[in-house]
Amino acid sequence: MEALPTEDRVTGRSVAKASRRAALLVAAAQLFADRGYNGVSIEDLGAAAGVSGPAVYRHFTGKPSVLSALLTGVSEDLLEGGRTVAEGASSPEAALRGLIRFQVDFALANANVIRVQDRDLGSLPHDDERNVRSLQRNYVQVWVDELAGLLPAADRSLLRRKVHAVFGLINSTPHTAHGTRSTRELGDLRDLLQDMAWAALTV
């Protein structure tokens, strides 16, 4: 059989490596959410992802880098996604409604990550924690800027408090979504969160 070109072989290996790394992050989110960061070992992570403990080091330098990759990656995705929503909207109202949908969809799909963020952000190395907090502040600013466009007379500090309060509402899904299974139930919860978030922002 003719060998694949080198570029194809490298691409295949790269895809497999990326897939294993992603599997490790999914496993980490579940384990950290269930047991807390300090209650999980590298061997636990490997076993949950179907690899040996030492194999984890092919993708991460250690457990702190797993936590960093998880929380940094999510924060980067939220900031990029939020900016995309805002830039593509026709008005501040459309942007805010889009941002609410975006955050609600994220929260419903990532309850484990929210639990890890709430409990274990302080376990990150200092520089990584500072980076995550900076990304999150920038994400908040996207919301504040759009809310200021809708409510131009409002004080910016009040708008920021509103945005943080709405995040608290939406990110309650590890509790509000507990036991929710059917598509209809999830749809109802999504609608409820979106309506409550809009009401809180515009009150």
N, C-alpha and C. Protein backbone atom coordinates (compact mmCIF):
# COMPACT_ATOMS: atom_id res chain seq x y z
N MET A 1 0.86 -1.20 0.00
CA MET A 1 0.00 0.00 0.00
C MET A 1 0.89 1.23 0.00
N GLU A 2 0.52 2.20 -0.81
CA GLU A 2 1.31 3.43 -0.90
C GLU A 2 1.16 4.23 0.38
N ALA A 3 2.28 4.72 0.87
CA ALA A 3 2.25 5.50 2.10
C ALA A 3 1.58 6.84 1.86
N LEU A 4 0.91 7.35 2.90
CA LEU A 4 0.31 8.67 2.81
C LEU A 4 1.40 9.72 2.75
N PRO A 5 1.16 10.81 2.07
CA PRO A 5 2.11 11.92 2.12
C PRO A 5 2.34 12.35 3.55
N THR A 6 3.54 12.89 3.81
CA THR A 6 3.89 13.29 5.16
C THR A 6 2.88 14.27 5.73
N GLU A 7 2.43 15.23 4.92
CA GLU A 7 1.49 16.23 5.40
C GLU A 7 0.22 15.59 5.91
N ASP A 8 -0.28 14.55 5.20
CA ASP A 8 -1.51 13.86 5.62
C ASP A 8 -1.29 13.10 6.92
N ARG A 9 -0.10 12.47 7.04
CA ARG A 9 0.17 11.73 8.26
C ARG A 9 0.25 12.67 9.45
N VAL A 10 0.91 13.80 9.28
CA VAL A 10 1.03 14.77 10.37
C VAL A 10 -0.34 15.31 10.74
N THR A 11 -1.15 15.59 9.73
CA THR A 11 -2.49 16.10 10.00
C THR A 11 -3.30 15.08 10.79
N GLY A 12 -3.20 13.81 10.42
CA GLY A 12 -3.91 12.77 11.14
C GLY A 12 -3.48 12.68 12.59
N ARG A 13 -2.16 12.73 12.82
CA ARG A 13 -1.65 12.70 14.19
C ARG A 13 -2.10 13.93 14.97
N SER A 14 -2.10 15.07 14.31
CA SER A 14 -2.50 16.30 14.97
C SER A 14 -3.97 16.25 15.39
N VAL A 15 -4.79 15.71 14.51
CA VAL A 15 -6.22 15.59 14.83
C VAL A 15 -6.42 14.66 16.01
N ALA A 16 -5.70 13.54 16.01
CA ALA A 16 -5.83 12.58 17.11
C ALA A 16 -5.37 13.19 18.42
N LYS A 17 -4.27 13.94 18.36
CA LYS A 17 -3.75 14.58 19.57
C LYS A 17 -4.74 15.61 20.10
N ALA A 18 -5.29 16.41 19.19
CA ALA A 18 -6.27 17.41 19.60
C ALA A 18 -7.51 16.75 20.20
N SER A 19 -7.91 15.61 19.64
CA SER A 19 -9.06 14.90 20.15
C SER A 19 -8.81 14.38 21.56
N ARG A 20 -7.62 13.82 21.80
CA ARG A 20 -7.29 13.33 23.14
C ARG A 20 -7.22 14.48 24.14
N ARG A 21 -6.66 15.61 23.71
CA ARG A 21 -6.57 16.77 24.59
C ARG A 21 -7.97 17.26 24.96
N ALA A 22 -8.85 17.32 23.96
CA ALA A 22 -10.22 17.74 24.23
C ALA A 22 -10.92 16.77 25.18
N ALA A 23 -10.68 15.47 25.00
CA ALA A 23 -11.28 14.47 25.89
C ALA A 23 -10.79 14.65 27.32
N LEU A 24 -9.52 14.98 27.48
CA LEU A 24 -8.97 15.22 28.80
C LEU A 24 -9.61 16.44 29.46
N LEU A 25 -9.87 17.47 28.68
CA LEU A 25 -10.49 18.66 29.24
C LEU A 25 -11.94 18.40 29.65
N VAL A 26 -12.65 17.61 28.85
CA VAL A 26 -14.03 17.24 29.21
C VAL A 26 -14.02 16.43 30.50
N ALA A 27 -13.09 15.48 30.58
CA ALA A 27 -12.99 14.66 31.80
C ALA A 27 -12.62 15.52 33.00
N ALA A 28 -11.71 16.47 32.79
CA ALA A 28 -11.30 17.36 33.88
C ALA A 28 -12.47 18.19 34.38
N ALA A 29 -13.27 18.72 33.46
CA ALA A 29 -14.43 19.53 33.87
C ALA A 29 -15.37 18.70 34.75
N GLN A 30 -15.62 17.46 34.36
CA GLN A 30 -16.52 16.60 35.13
C GLN A 30 -15.92 16.27 36.50
N LEU A 31 -14.66 15.86 36.50
CA LEU A 31 -14.03 15.45 37.76
C LEU A 31 -13.84 16.63 38.71
N PHE A 32 -13.35 17.76 38.20
CA PHE A 32 -13.16 18.93 39.05
C PHE A 32 -14.50 19.41 39.61
N ALA A 33 -15.54 19.34 38.79
CA ALA A 33 -16.87 19.76 39.26
C ALA A 33 -17.38 18.83 40.36
N ASP A 34 -17.14 17.54 40.20
CA ASP A 34 -17.65 16.56 41.17
C ASP A 34 -16.85 16.54 42.45
N ARG A 35 -15.51 16.60 42.32
CA ARG A 35 -14.64 16.37 43.48
C ARG A 35 -13.87 17.60 43.95
N GLY A 36 -13.85 18.63 43.13
CA GLY A 36 -12.98 19.77 43.42
C GLY A 36 -11.59 19.52 42.86
N TYR A 37 -10.92 20.59 42.50
CA TYR A 37 -9.59 20.48 41.89
C TYR A 37 -8.63 19.67 42.75
N ASN A 38 -8.63 19.93 44.05
CA ASN A 38 -7.68 19.26 44.93
C ASN A 38 -8.01 17.79 45.17
N GLY A 39 -9.21 17.38 44.78
CA GLY A 39 -9.60 15.98 44.98
C GLY A 39 -9.37 15.10 43.78
N VAL A 40 -8.68 15.63 42.75
CA VAL A 40 -8.46 14.88 41.52
C VAL A 40 -6.97 14.77 41.24
N SER A 41 -6.53 13.58 40.86
CA SER A 41 -5.12 13.36 40.52
C SER A 41 -4.94 13.26 39.01
N ILE A 42 -3.71 13.34 38.58
CA ILE A 42 -3.40 13.15 37.16
C ILE A 42 -3.84 11.76 36.71
N GLU A 43 -3.67 10.77 37.58
CA GLU A 43 -4.09 9.41 37.25
C GLU A 43 -5.61 9.34 37.07
N ASP A 44 -6.34 10.08 37.90
CA ASP A 44 -7.79 10.13 37.75
C ASP A 44 -8.19 10.71 36.39
N LEU A 45 -7.50 11.79 36.01
CA LEU A 45 -7.80 12.43 34.72
C LEU A 45 -7.54 11.47 33.57
N GLY A 46 -6.41 10.80 33.62
CA GLY A 46 -6.08 9.86 32.56
C GLY A 46 -7.09 8.74 32.47
N ALA A 47 -7.45 8.17 33.61
CA ALA A 47 -8.40 7.06 33.62
C ALA A 47 -9.74 7.49 33.06
N ALA A 48 -10.20 8.69 33.41
CA ALA A 48 -11.50 9.16 32.93
C ALA A 48 -11.51 9.40 31.43
N ALA A 49 -10.32 9.74 30.88
CA ALA A 49 -10.22 10.00 29.44
C ALA A 49 -9.75 8.78 28.66
N GLY A 50 -9.50 7.66 29.36
CA GLY A 50 -9.10 6.44 28.68
C GLY A 50 -7.64 6.35 28.32
N VAL A 51 -6.79 7.10 29.06
CA VAL A 51 -5.35 7.02 28.83
C VAL A 51 -4.66 6.82 30.18
N SER A 52 -3.38 6.48 30.14
CA SER A 52 -2.64 6.31 31.38
C SER A 52 -2.32 7.67 31.98
N GLY A 53 -2.05 7.68 33.28
CA GLY A 53 -1.68 8.92 33.94
C GLY A 53 -0.49 9.62 33.28
N PRO A 54 0.61 8.89 33.05
CA PRO A 54 1.75 9.53 32.40
C PRO A 54 1.45 10.09 31.01
N ALA A 55 0.48 9.49 30.31
CA ALA A 55 0.13 9.97 28.97
C ALA A 55 -0.46 11.37 29.01
N VAL A 56 -1.01 11.77 30.15
CA VAL A 56 -1.57 13.11 30.28
C VAL A 56 -0.48 14.16 30.03
N TYR A 57 0.76 13.81 30.41
CA TYR A 57 1.86 14.77 30.28
C TYR A 57 2.27 15.00 28.82
N ARG A 58 1.74 14.23 27.91
CA ARG A 58 1.97 14.52 26.49
C ARG A 58 1.17 15.72 26.04
N HIS A 59 0.16 16.09 26.81
CA HIS A 59 -0.74 17.18 26.44
C HIS A 59 -0.67 18.36 27.40
N PHE A 60 -0.31 18.09 28.66
CA PHE A 60 -0.26 19.14 29.67
C PHE A 60 0.97 18.93 30.55
N THR A 61 1.51 20.02 31.06
CA THR A 61 2.70 19.92 31.91
C THR A 61 2.37 19.41 33.31
N GLY A 62 1.11 19.47 33.69
CA GLY A 62 0.70 19.02 35.00
C GLY A 62 -0.74 19.40 35.25
N LYS A 63 -1.23 19.10 36.44
CA LYS A 63 -2.63 19.38 36.75
C LYS A 63 -2.96 20.87 36.69
N PRO A 64 -2.07 21.77 37.17
CA PRO A 64 -2.38 23.20 37.05
C PRO A 64 -2.59 23.64 35.60
N SER A 65 -1.83 23.06 34.67
CA SER A 65 -2.00 23.47 33.28
C SER A 65 -3.30 22.94 32.69
N VAL A 66 -3.82 21.84 33.24
CA VAL A 66 -5.13 21.35 32.81
C VAL A 66 -6.21 22.35 33.23
N LEU A 67 -6.17 22.76 34.48
CA LEU A 67 -7.15 23.74 34.97
C LEU A 67 -7.03 25.04 34.20
N SER A 68 -5.81 25.46 33.94
CA SER A 68 -5.59 26.70 33.19
C SER A 68 -6.15 26.60 31.79
N ALA A 69 -5.88 25.49 31.10
CA ALA A 69 -6.39 25.32 29.74
C ALA A 69 -7.91 25.32 29.73
N LEU A 70 -8.52 24.69 30.73
CA LEU A 70 -9.97 24.62 30.80
C LEU A 70 -10.59 26.01 30.96
N LEU A 71 -10.13 26.76 31.96
CA LEU A 71 -10.75 28.05 32.27
C LEU A 71 -10.31 29.15 31.30
N THR A 72 -9.06 29.09 30.86
CA THR A 72 -8.61 30.09 29.88
C THR A 72 -9.32 29.88 28.55
N GLY A 73 -9.43 28.64 28.12
CA GLY A 73 -10.07 28.35 26.84
C GLY A 73 -11.52 28.80 26.83
N VAL A 74 -12.24 28.53 27.90
CA VAL A 74 -13.64 28.94 27.99
C VAL A 74 -13.75 30.47 27.98
N SER A 75 -12.87 31.13 28.72
CA SER A 75 -12.92 32.60 28.79
C SER A 75 -12.61 33.22 27.44
N GLU A 76 -11.66 32.65 26.73
CA GLU A 76 -11.34 33.14 25.38
C GLU A 76 -12.50 32.94 24.43
N ASP A 77 -13.14 31.78 24.52
CA ASP A 77 -14.28 31.49 23.65
C ASP A 77 -15.45 32.43 23.91
N LEU A 78 -15.70 32.72 25.18
CA LEU A 78 -16.79 33.62 25.52
C LEU A 78 -16.52 35.03 25.00
N LEU A 79 -15.29 35.51 25.19
CA LEU A 79 -14.96 36.85 24.73
C LEU A 79 -15.06 36.94 23.21
N GLU A 80 -14.49 35.98 22.52
CA GLU A 80 -14.55 35.99 21.06
C GLU A 80 -16.00 35.89 20.58
N GLY A 81 -16.76 34.99 21.18
CA GLY A 81 -18.15 34.82 20.77
C GLY A 81 -18.98 36.04 21.07
N GLY A 82 -18.77 36.65 22.24
CA GLY A 82 -19.51 37.84 22.60
C GLY A 82 -19.23 38.99 21.66
N ARG A 83 -17.97 39.17 21.30
CA ARG A 83 -17.62 40.23 20.36
C ARG A 83 -18.25 39.98 19.00
N THR A 84 -18.27 38.74 18.58
CA THR A 84 -18.87 38.41 17.29
C THR A 84 -20.36 38.72 17.29
N VAL A 85 -21.05 38.37 18.37
CA VAL A 85 -22.48 38.67 18.48
C VAL A 85 -22.72 40.17 18.42
N ALA A 86 -21.95 40.93 19.21
CA ALA A 86 -22.15 42.37 19.27
C ALA A 86 -21.85 43.04 17.94
N GLU A 87 -20.77 42.63 17.30
CA GLU A 87 -20.38 43.25 16.04
C GLU A 87 -21.37 42.96 14.92
N GLY A 88 -22.05 41.83 15.00
CA GLY A 88 -22.98 41.45 13.94
C GLY A 88 -24.40 41.93 14.16
N ALA A 89 -24.66 42.62 15.29
CA ALA A 89 -26.02 43.04 15.61
C ALA A 89 -26.34 44.39 14.98
N SER A 90 -27.61 44.60 14.70
CA SER A 90 -28.05 45.83 14.03
C SER A 90 -28.35 46.96 15.00
N SER A 91 -28.42 46.64 16.30
CA SER A 91 -28.75 47.66 17.30
C SER A 91 -28.31 47.16 18.67
N PRO A 92 -28.20 48.07 19.66
CA PRO A 92 -27.87 47.61 21.01
C PRO A 92 -28.86 46.58 21.55
N GLU A 93 -30.15 46.78 21.26
CA GLU A 93 -31.14 45.80 21.72
C GLU A 93 -30.89 44.42 21.11
N ALA A 94 -30.65 44.40 19.80
CA ALA A 94 -30.39 43.12 19.14
C ALA A 94 -29.12 42.50 19.68
N ALA A 95 -28.11 43.33 19.95
CA ALA A 95 -26.85 42.80 20.49
C ALA A 95 -27.07 42.18 21.86
N LEU A 96 -27.81 42.87 22.73
CA LEU A 96 -28.04 42.35 24.07
C LEU A 96 -28.87 41.07 24.06
N ARG A 97 -29.88 41.04 23.22
CA ARG A 97 -30.67 39.80 23.13
C ARG A 97 -29.80 38.65 22.60
N GLY A 98 -28.92 38.97 21.66
CA GLY A 98 -28.02 37.95 21.15
C GLY A 98 -27.03 37.50 22.20
N LEU A 99 -26.51 38.44 22.98
CA LEU A 99 -25.57 38.09 24.05
C LEU A 99 -26.24 37.23 25.11
N ILE A 100 -27.48 37.55 25.43
CA ILE A 100 -28.21 36.74 26.40
C ILE A 100 -28.38 35.31 25.88
N ARG A 101 -28.82 35.17 24.63
CA ARG A 101 -28.96 33.82 24.05
C ARG A 101 -27.63 33.08 24.08
N PHE A 102 -26.58 33.78 23.71
CA PHE A 102 -25.24 33.18 23.67
C PHE A 102 -24.83 32.68 25.06
N GLN A 103 -25.02 33.50 26.09
CA GLN A 103 -24.62 33.12 27.43
C GLN A 103 -25.49 32.00 27.99
N VAL A 104 -26.79 32.07 27.71
CA VAL A 104 -27.69 31.01 28.19
C VAL A 104 -27.32 29.67 27.55
N ASP A 105 -27.08 29.69 26.24
CA ASP A 105 -26.70 28.44 25.57
C ASP A 105 -25.40 27.89 26.14
N PHE A 106 -24.45 28.78 26.39
CA PHE A 106 -23.18 28.35 26.99
C PHE A 106 -23.43 27.73 28.36
N ALA A 107 -24.21 28.41 29.19
CA ALA A 107 -24.41 27.94 30.56
C ALA A 107 -25.12 26.59 30.60
N LEU A 108 -26.11 26.41 29.73
CA LEU A 108 -26.83 25.14 29.71
C LEU A 108 -25.95 23.99 29.25
N ALA A 109 -24.98 24.29 28.40
CA ALA A 109 -24.11 23.24 27.86
C ALA A 109 -22.86 23.01 28.70
N ASN A 110 -22.57 23.91 29.65
CA ASN A 110 -21.29 23.84 30.35
C ASN A 110 -21.44 24.01 31.85
N ALA A 111 -22.41 23.33 32.42
CA ALA A 111 -22.64 23.46 33.86
C ALA A 111 -21.40 23.05 34.66
N ASN A 112 -20.69 22.03 34.21
CA ASN A 112 -19.50 21.59 34.95
C ASN A 112 -18.44 22.68 34.98
N VAL A 113 -18.23 23.33 33.85
CA VAL A 113 -17.21 24.39 33.80
C VAL A 113 -17.58 25.54 34.73
N ILE A 114 -18.86 25.87 34.79
CA ILE A 114 -19.30 26.94 35.69
C ILE A 114 -19.01 26.58 37.13
N ARG A 115 -19.26 25.34 37.50
CA ARG A 115 -18.99 24.90 38.87
C ARG A 115 -17.49 24.97 39.18
N VAL A 116 -16.68 24.58 38.22
CA VAL A 116 -15.22 24.64 38.41
C VAL A 116 -14.78 26.09 38.55
N GLN A 117 -15.28 26.96 37.68
CA GLN A 117 -14.94 28.37 37.74
C GLN A 117 -15.29 28.95 39.11
N ASP A 118 -16.49 28.66 39.60
CA ASP A 118 -16.94 29.22 40.87
C ASP A 118 -16.07 28.75 42.03
N ARG A 119 -15.65 27.51 42.00
CA ARG A 119 -14.97 26.95 43.16
C ARG A 119 -13.45 26.99 43.06
N ASP A 120 -12.91 26.82 41.86
CA ASP A 120 -11.47 26.54 41.75
C ASP A 120 -10.67 27.59 40.99
N LEU A 121 -11.27 28.74 40.66
CA LEU A 121 -10.50 29.77 39.97
C LEU A 121 -9.26 30.15 40.77
N GLY A 122 -9.39 30.21 42.08
CA GLY A 122 -8.27 30.58 42.93
C GLY A 122 -7.16 29.55 42.98
N SER A 123 -7.38 28.36 42.42
CA SER A 123 -6.34 27.33 42.39
C SER A 123 -5.40 27.50 41.19
N LEU A 124 -5.74 28.41 40.27
CA LEU A 124 -4.87 28.65 39.13
C LEU A 124 -3.57 29.31 39.58
N PRO A 125 -2.47 29.05 38.86
CA PRO A 125 -1.26 29.85 39.08
C PRO A 125 -1.58 31.33 38.90
N HIS A 126 -0.84 32.19 39.60
CA HIS A 126 -1.18 33.61 39.66
C HIS A 126 -1.34 34.24 38.29
N ASP A 127 -0.38 34.03 37.41
CA ASP A 127 -0.44 34.66 36.09
C ASP A 127 -1.63 34.16 35.28
N ASP A 128 -1.95 32.89 35.41
CA ASP A 128 -3.08 32.33 34.67
C ASP A 128 -4.40 32.87 35.23
N GLU A 129 -4.48 33.00 36.54
CA GLU A 129 -5.69 33.55 37.14
C GLU A 129 -5.88 35.00 36.69
N ARG A 130 -4.81 35.75 36.67
CA ARG A 130 -4.89 37.15 36.23
C ARG A 130 -5.35 37.23 34.77
N ASN A 131 -4.86 36.32 33.94
CA ASN A 131 -5.26 36.31 32.53
C ASN A 131 -6.74 35.97 32.38
N VAL A 132 -7.20 34.98 33.11
CA VAL A 132 -8.61 34.60 33.05
C VAL A 132 -9.50 35.75 33.50
N ARG A 133 -9.12 36.40 34.60
CA ARG A 133 -9.92 37.52 35.10
C ARG A 133 -9.93 38.68 34.09
N SER A 134 -8.81 38.90 33.42
CA SER A 134 -8.76 39.95 32.40
C SER A 134 -9.69 39.64 31.23
N LEU A 135 -9.67 38.39 30.77
CA LEU A 135 -10.57 37.98 29.69
C LEU A 135 -12.02 38.15 30.11
N GLN A 136 -12.34 37.81 31.34
CA GLN A 136 -13.72 37.91 31.82
C GLN A 136 -14.14 39.37 31.96
N ARG A 137 -13.23 40.24 32.40
CA ARG A 137 -13.57 41.67 32.47
C ARG A 137 -13.86 42.22 31.08
N ASN A 138 -13.09 41.79 30.11
CA ASN A 138 -13.31 42.26 28.75
C ASN A 138 -14.65 41.76 28.21
N TYR A 139 -15.04 40.55 28.59
CA TYR A 139 -16.34 40.02 28.18
C TYR A 139 -17.47 40.82 28.82
N VAL A 140 -17.33 41.12 30.08
CA VAL A 140 -18.31 41.97 30.76
C VAL A 140 -18.42 43.31 30.05
N GLN A 141 -17.28 43.85 29.63
CA GLN A 141 -17.28 45.16 28.98
C GLN A 141 -18.07 45.15 27.67
N VAL A 142 -18.03 44.04 26.96
CA VAL A 142 -18.83 43.92 25.73
C VAL A 142 -20.30 44.14 26.06
N TRP A 143 -20.77 43.52 27.12
CA TRP A 143 -22.17 43.67 27.54
C TRP A 143 -22.45 45.10 27.99
N VAL A 144 -21.55 45.66 28.80
CA VAL A 144 -21.76 47.00 29.33
C VAL A 144 -21.85 48.02 28.19
N ASP A 145 -20.99 47.88 27.20
CA ASP A 145 -21.01 48.81 26.07
C ASP A 145 -22.34 48.77 25.33
N GLU A 146 -22.87 47.58 25.12
CA GLU A 146 -24.15 47.46 24.42
C GLU A 146 -25.30 47.96 25.29
N LEU A 147 -25.23 47.68 26.59
CA LEU A 147 -26.28 48.14 27.49
C LEU A 147 -26.27 49.67 27.58
N ALA A 148 -25.08 50.26 27.53
CA ALA A 148 -24.98 51.73 27.53
C ALA A 148 -25.59 52.32 26.27
N GLY A 149 -25.50 51.60 25.16
CA GLY A 149 -26.15 52.06 23.94
C GLY A 149 -27.65 52.05 24.05
N LEU A 150 -28.18 51.09 24.83
CA LEU A 150 -29.62 50.99 25.02
C LEU A 150 -30.12 51.97 26.09
N LEU A 151 -29.29 52.18 27.12
CA LEU A 151 -29.65 53.05 28.25
C LEU A 151 -28.56 54.12 28.41
N PRO A 152 -28.48 55.07 27.49
CA PRO A 152 -27.36 56.01 27.48
C PRO A 152 -27.29 56.93 28.69
N ALA A 153 -28.40 57.16 29.37
CA ALA A 153 -28.38 58.06 30.52
C ALA A 153 -27.95 57.37 31.81
N ALA A 154 -27.85 56.05 31.79
CA ALA A 154 -27.55 55.30 33.01
C ALA A 154 -26.08 55.38 33.36
N ASP A 155 -25.79 55.32 34.66
CA ASP A 155 -24.42 55.32 35.14
C ASP A 155 -23.73 54.01 34.78
N ARG A 156 -22.49 54.11 34.32
CA ARG A 156 -21.78 52.90 33.88
C ARG A 156 -21.58 51.89 35.01
N SER A 157 -21.36 52.37 36.21
CA SER A 157 -21.18 51.43 37.32
C SER A 157 -22.45 50.64 37.60
N LEU A 158 -23.61 51.29 37.42
CA LEU A 158 -24.88 50.59 37.58
C LEU A 158 -25.05 49.54 36.49
N LEU A 159 -24.70 49.90 35.26
CA LEU A 159 -24.81 48.95 34.16
C LEU A 159 -23.91 47.74 34.41
N ARG A 160 -22.73 47.98 34.94
CA ARG A 160 -21.82 46.87 35.21
C ARG A 160 -22.40 45.95 36.28
N ARG A 161 -23.02 46.53 37.30
CA ARG A 161 -23.64 45.71 38.34
C ARG A 161 -24.78 44.90 37.77
N LYS A 162 -25.55 45.49 36.86
CA LYS A 162 -26.63 44.75 36.22
C LYS A 162 -26.09 43.55 35.45
N VAL A 163 -25.02 43.77 34.70
CA VAL A 163 -24.44 42.68 33.91
C VAL A 163 -23.96 41.56 34.82
N HIS A 164 -23.28 41.90 35.89
CA HIS A 164 -22.81 40.86 36.81
C HIS A 164 -23.99 40.11 37.44
N ALA A 165 -25.06 40.83 37.76
CA ALA A 165 -26.22 40.18 38.33
C ALA A 165 -26.86 39.21 37.34
N VAL A 166 -26.89 39.60 36.07
CA VAL A 166 -27.45 38.73 35.04
C VAL A 166 -26.59 37.49 34.85
N PHE A 167 -25.28 37.65 34.93
CA PHE A 167 -24.41 36.48 34.85
C PHE A 167 -24.71 35.52 36.01
N GLY A 168 -24.92 36.08 37.20
CA GLY A 168 -25.26 35.23 38.34
C GLY A 168 -26.55 34.47 38.11
N LEU A 169 -27.52 35.14 37.49
CA LEU A 169 -28.80 34.49 37.17
C LEU A 169 -28.60 33.36 36.16
N ILE A 170 -27.97 33.70 35.05
CA ILE A 170 -27.81 32.71 33.98
C ILE A 170 -26.92 31.55 34.43
N ASN A 171 -25.87 31.88 35.16
CA ASN A 171 -24.91 30.84 35.55
C ASN A 171 -25.36 30.04 36.76
N SER A 172 -26.63 30.21 37.14
CA SER A 172 -27.20 29.37 38.20
C SER A 172 -27.60 28.00 37.65
N THR A 173 -27.36 27.77 36.36
CA THR A 173 -27.84 26.53 35.73
C THR A 173 -27.31 25.25 36.34
N PRO A 174 -26.12 25.21 36.98
CA PRO A 174 -25.77 23.95 37.65
C PRO A 174 -26.80 23.53 38.68
N HIS A 175 -27.60 24.51 39.17
CA HIS A 175 -28.65 24.21 40.14
C HIS A 175 -30.02 24.14 39.45
N THR A 176 -30.34 25.15 38.59
CA THR A 176 -31.67 25.20 37.98
C THR A 176 -31.87 24.11 36.95
N ALA A 177 -30.77 23.63 36.34
CA ALA A 177 -30.91 22.60 35.31
C ALA A 177 -30.76 21.20 35.87
N HIS A 178 -30.57 21.09 37.19
CA HIS A 178 -30.38 19.78 37.79
C HIS A 178 -31.62 18.91 37.56
N GLY A 179 -31.42 17.76 36.97
CA GLY A 179 -32.51 16.83 36.72
C GLY A 179 -33.30 17.13 35.46
N THR A 180 -32.98 18.24 34.77
CA THR A 180 -33.69 18.58 33.53
C THR A 180 -33.16 17.69 32.41
N ARG A 181 -34.06 16.98 31.74
CA ARG A 181 -33.60 16.01 30.75
C ARG A 181 -34.24 16.20 29.37
N SER A 182 -35.52 16.47 29.33
CA SER A 182 -36.20 16.50 28.05
C SER A 182 -35.87 17.76 27.28
N THR A 183 -35.97 17.66 25.96
CA THR A 183 -35.74 18.82 25.11
C THR A 183 -36.72 19.94 25.44
N ARG A 184 -37.95 19.57 25.72
CA ARG A 184 -38.96 20.58 26.04
C ARG A 184 -38.62 21.30 27.34
N GLU A 185 -38.19 20.55 28.35
CA GLU A 185 -37.83 21.16 29.63
C GLU A 185 -36.65 22.11 29.47
N LEU A 186 -35.66 21.69 28.70
CA LEU A 186 -34.52 22.56 28.46
C LEU A 186 -34.93 23.81 27.69
N GLY A 187 -35.83 23.64 26.73
CA GLY A 187 -36.31 24.79 25.98
C GLY A 187 -37.05 25.76 26.86
N ASP A 188 -37.88 25.24 27.77
CA ASP A 188 -38.62 26.10 28.69
C ASP A 188 -37.65 26.85 29.61
N LEU A 189 -36.63 26.15 30.10
CA LEU A 189 -35.65 26.78 30.98
C LEU A 189 -34.87 27.85 30.22
N ARG A 190 -34.51 27.55 28.98
CA ARG A 190 -33.79 28.53 28.15
C ARG A 190 -34.63 29.80 27.99
N ASP A 191 -35.92 29.63 27.67
CA ASP A 191 -36.80 30.78 27.50
C ASP A 191 -36.94 31.57 28.80
N LEU A 192 -37.07 30.86 29.91
CA LEU A 192 -37.22 31.52 31.20
C LEU A 192 -35.99 32.35 31.54
N LEU A 193 -34.81 31.76 31.36
CA LEU A 193 -33.57 32.48 31.67
C LEU A 193 -33.40 33.70 30.78
N GLN A 194 -33.74 33.56 29.50
CA GLN A 194 -33.60 34.68 28.58
C GLN A 194 -34.56 35.82 28.96
N ASP A 195 -35.80 35.47 29.29
CA ASP A 195 -36.77 36.49 29.66
C ASP A 195 -36.37 37.19 30.96
N MET A 196 -35.91 36.43 31.94
CA MET A 196 -35.51 37.02 33.22
C MET A 196 -34.27 37.89 33.04
N ALA A 197 -33.33 37.45 32.23
CA ALA A 197 -32.12 38.23 32.01
C ALA A 197 -32.45 39.56 31.35
N TRP A 198 -33.32 39.52 30.34
CA TRP A 198 -33.70 40.76 29.65
C TRP A 198 -34.41 41.72 30.63
N ALA A 199 -35.30 41.19 31.44
CA ALA A 199 -36.01 42.02 32.41
C ALA A 199 -35.03 42.64 33.41
N ALA A 200 -34.04 41.88 33.85
CA ALA A 200 -33.08 42.39 34.83
C ALA A 200 -32.20 43.48 34.22
N LEU A 201 -31.83 43.33 32.98
CA LEU A 201 -30.97 44.34 32.33
C LEU A 201 -31.70 45.64 32.10
N THR A 202 -32.99 45.55 31.81
CA THR A 202 -33.72 46.74 31.36
C THR A 202 -34.63 47.33 32.44
N VAL A 203 -34.63 46.78 33.64
CA VAL A 203 -35.50 47.26 34.70
C VAL A 203 -35.18 48.71 35.02
